[in-house]
Protein backbone atom coordinates (compact mmCIF):
# COMPACT_ATOMS: atom_id res chain seq x y z
CA MET A 1 0.00 0.00 0.00
CA GLY A 2 1.27 3.52 -0.75
CA ALA A 3 1.71 6.23 1.80
CA PHE A 4 -1.91 7.32 1.48
CA ALA A 5 -5.06 5.42 0.56
CA GLY A 6 -7.44 8.24 -0.26
CA THR A 7 -7.30 11.80 0.97
CA GLY A 8 -10.58 12.44 2.75
CA PRO A 9 -11.69 11.71 6.30
CA GLY A 10 -10.75 8.21 7.33
CA ALA A 11 -7.87 8.06 4.83
CA ILE A 12 -5.36 5.41 5.75
CA VAL A 13 -1.88 6.79 6.39
CA SER A 14 1.12 4.47 6.54
CA ALA A 15 2.77 3.80 9.88
CA ALA A 16 5.99 5.36 8.55
CA ALA A 17 4.23 8.71 8.02
CA GLN A 18 3.09 8.65 11.64
CA ALA A 19 6.38 7.58 13.21
CA GLN A 20 8.11 10.02 15.54
CA LEU A 21 11.49 10.86 14.02
CA SER A 22 14.55 11.88 16.07
CA GLY A 23 17.32 14.15 14.88
CA PHE A 24 21.05 14.04 15.50
CA PRO A 25 23.17 15.31 18.37
CA PRO A 26 25.05 18.55 17.78
CA VAL A 27 28.49 18.66 16.22
CA LEU A 28 29.80 21.40 18.45
CA ALA A 29 33.04 22.03 20.33
CA ALA A 30 33.35 24.35 23.32
CA ASP A 31 35.41 26.81 21.24
CA ALA A 32 32.82 27.09 18.44
CA GLU A 33 32.26 30.65 17.26
CA VAL A 34 29.78 29.95 14.46
CA LEU A 35 26.85 27.54 14.39
CA VAL A 36 24.78 26.52 11.38
CA LEU A 37 21.31 25.40 12.44
CA GLY A 38 19.23 23.43 9.99
CA SER A 39 15.63 22.44 10.56
CA PHE A 40 15.64 18.62 10.70
CA PRO A 41 17.54 15.90 8.81
CA GLY A 42 16.02 14.78 5.52
CA VAL A 43 15.29 11.17 4.67
CA ALA A 44 18.72 10.57 3.09
CA SER A 45 20.44 12.01 6.16
CA LEU A 46 18.35 9.95 8.56
CA ASN A 47 19.04 6.80 6.54
CA MET A 48 22.79 7.43 6.51
CA GLY A 49 23.07 8.91 10.01
CA GLN A 50 24.83 11.99 8.60
CA TYR A 51 24.07 15.68 8.45
CA TYR A 52 23.31 16.88 4.90
CA ALA A 53 23.72 13.46 3.25
CA HIS A 54 21.55 14.07 0.18
CA PRO A 55 23.95 14.22 -2.78
CA ARG A 56 22.29 17.36 -4.18
CA ASN A 57 22.29 19.24 -0.87
CA GLN A 58 24.86 22.04 -1.20
CA PHE A 59 25.68 22.36 2.51
CA TRP A 60 29.16 20.81 2.38
CA ARG A 61 30.06 22.73 -0.80
CA LEU A 62 28.89 26.01 0.77
CA LEU A 63 30.72 25.33 4.02
CA GLY A 64 33.88 24.39 2.13
CA ALA A 65 33.73 27.59 0.09
CA CYS A 66 33.18 29.71 3.20
CA LEU A 67 36.07 28.02 5.03
CA GLU A 68 38.26 28.01 1.90
CA VAL A 69 38.47 24.19 1.98
CA GLU A 70 37.52 23.42 -1.62
CA ALA A 71 37.41 19.63 -1.46
CA LEU A 72 35.38 19.50 1.75
CA HIS A 73 32.30 18.02 0.06
CA GLN A 74 34.44 15.19 -1.35
CA MET A 75 36.01 14.18 1.98
CA PRO A 76 34.70 11.27 4.06
CA TYR A 77 31.95 12.39 6.43
CA GLU A 78 34.00 12.09 9.63
CA GLU A 79 36.76 14.21 8.10
CA ARG A 80 34.22 16.88 7.11
CA LEU A 81 33.10 17.05 10.74
CA ARG A 82 36.70 17.35 11.94
CA VAL A 83 37.31 20.21 9.49
CA ALA A 84 34.21 22.05 10.72
CA ILE A 85 35.26 21.65 14.35
CA ARG A 86 38.84 22.71 13.56
CA HIS A 87 37.42 25.89 12.02
CA ARG A 88 35.28 26.50 15.13
CA VAL A 89 32.03 25.82 13.26
CA GLY A 90 29.18 23.81 14.78
CA ILE A 91 26.32 21.99 13.07
CA TRP A 92 22.95 21.16 14.60
CA ASP A 93 19.21 21.33 13.92
CA VAL A 94 16.50 23.39 15.56
CA VAL A 95 14.03 20.47 15.69
CA ALA A 96 14.89 17.55 17.98
CA ASN A 97 11.92 15.32 17.14
CA CYS A 98 8.99 15.54 14.77
CA ARG A 99 6.64 13.69 12.48
CA ARG A 100 7.16 14.13 8.77
CA GLN A 101 6.53 12.29 5.54
CA GLY A 102 9.35 12.88 3.06
CA SER A 103 12.03 15.51 3.54
CA LEU A 104 10.29 18.85 3.07
CA ASP A 105 10.16 21.26 6.01
CA ALA A 106 6.55 22.05 5.08
CA ALA A 107 5.63 18.48 6.05
CA VAL A 108 7.04 18.76 9.60
CA THR A 109 4.38 18.31 12.30
CA ALA A 110 4.52 17.77 16.06
CA ALA A 111 7.93 19.45 16.18
CA GLU A 112 9.82 19.44 19.46
CA VAL A 113 12.52 22.09 19.46
CA ASN A 114 15.99 21.46 20.87
CA PRO A 115 16.81 23.44 24.06
CA LEU A 116 18.99 25.75 22.02
CA ALA A 117 19.72 28.73 24.29
CA ALA A 118 20.44 26.71 27.44
CA TYR A 119 22.53 24.11 25.62
CA LEU A 120 24.58 26.66 23.70
CA ARG A 121 25.33 28.79 26.75
CA GLU A 122 26.63 25.74 28.62
CA HIS A 123 28.42 23.87 25.83
CA ALA A 124 29.60 26.62 23.46
CA PRO A 125 30.33 29.71 25.58
CA ARG A 126 32.39 31.39 22.81
CA LEU A 127 29.59 31.11 20.25
CA GLU A 128 28.78 34.47 18.70
CA CYS A 129 27.01 33.91 15.40
CA ILE A 130 24.24 31.55 14.30
CA GLY A 131 23.16 30.95 10.73
CA PHE A 132 19.76 29.44 10.02
CA ASN A 133 19.85 27.15 7.01
CA GLY A 134 16.36 27.63 5.58
CA GLY A 135 13.00 29.07 6.56
CA LEU A 136 11.81 26.63 9.22
CA SER A 137 15.03 26.83 11.21
CA TRP A 138 14.78 30.64 11.07
CA LYS A 139 11.12 30.61 12.09
CA LEU A 140 11.74 28.37 15.10
CA GLY A 141 15.12 29.71 16.19
CA HIS A 142 15.71 33.37 15.31
CA HIS A 143 14.70 34.30 18.86
CA LEU A 144 18.27 33.37 19.80
CA ALA A 145 19.07 36.99 18.91
CA ASP A 146 17.39 37.81 22.24
CA TYR A 147 20.24 35.93 23.96
CA GLY A 148 22.93 38.10 22.41
CA TYR A 149 23.80 36.01 19.37
CA ARG A 150 24.18 37.57 15.94
CA VAL A 151 21.73 35.69 13.73
CA PHE A 152 21.78 35.22 9.97
CA ARG A 153 18.99 33.94 7.76
CA LEU A 154 20.67 31.80 5.10
CA ALA A 155 19.35 30.57 1.78
CA SER A 156 18.62 26.89 2.22
CA SER A 157 21.28 24.46 1.03
CA SER A 158 18.51 21.99 0.21
CA PRO A 159 17.93 20.84 -3.36
CA ALA A 160 14.34 22.06 -2.85
CA ALA A 161 15.69 25.64 -2.81
CA ALA A 162 16.52 25.61 -6.51
CA MET A 163 15.42 29.21 -7.02
CA TYR A 164 18.90 30.33 -5.88
CA SER A 165 22.11 29.44 -7.67
CA PHE A 166 25.08 28.16 -5.70
CA GLU A 167 26.74 31.57 -6.10
CA GLN A 168 23.66 33.39 -4.77
CA LYS A 169 23.53 31.06 -1.76
CA LEU A 170 27.24 31.54 -1.14
CA GLU A 171 26.80 35.32 -1.17
CA GLN A 172 24.25 34.95 1.65
CA TRP A 173 26.41 32.47 3.61
CA ARG A 174 29.76 34.31 3.58
CA PRO A 175 28.86 37.05 6.15
CA LEU A 176 28.13 34.38 8.77
CA PHE A 177 31.70 33.14 8.56
CA ALA A 178 33.16 36.63 8.86
CA CYS A 179 32.14 36.37 12.55
CA ARG A 180 35.01 34.04 13.36
CA SER A 181 37.92 35.70 15.10
């Protein structure tokens, strides 16, 4: 049976569409100065247990360009994480748990937000700047500006954000990385 059998009242929805999904722990060192917050891992990322695993997601290419590490997107995943940490960049998601069918942020329901402010103050005391990778992360997390962080709304690295070229996205991402001392 497909994901949906009918669309009206009483439609049967697959168990997978109703399952509570859990995100990943943060990749964040105590000396992090910049944090990129996504919304929630997509299906490819959840299946692989890796942030930004979809082959068309431009996250690793954008991060590499901002850090001037051109081959970052081609490195093994664990090495990419080490490079980010070495450059004092953290990676996490705003949503800790949710229900969602597919990978689109618009399909996220029953979202439980990570305890961002408290966690960041305790675990990343040098953090100054936070970039929100896409609209949902911005919507749920831009209040972190109230805690003294400089916040940046970034064009989404997702393949769903095809209205921006890589160069246009990069232009929006670069100011976030100018925060590093």
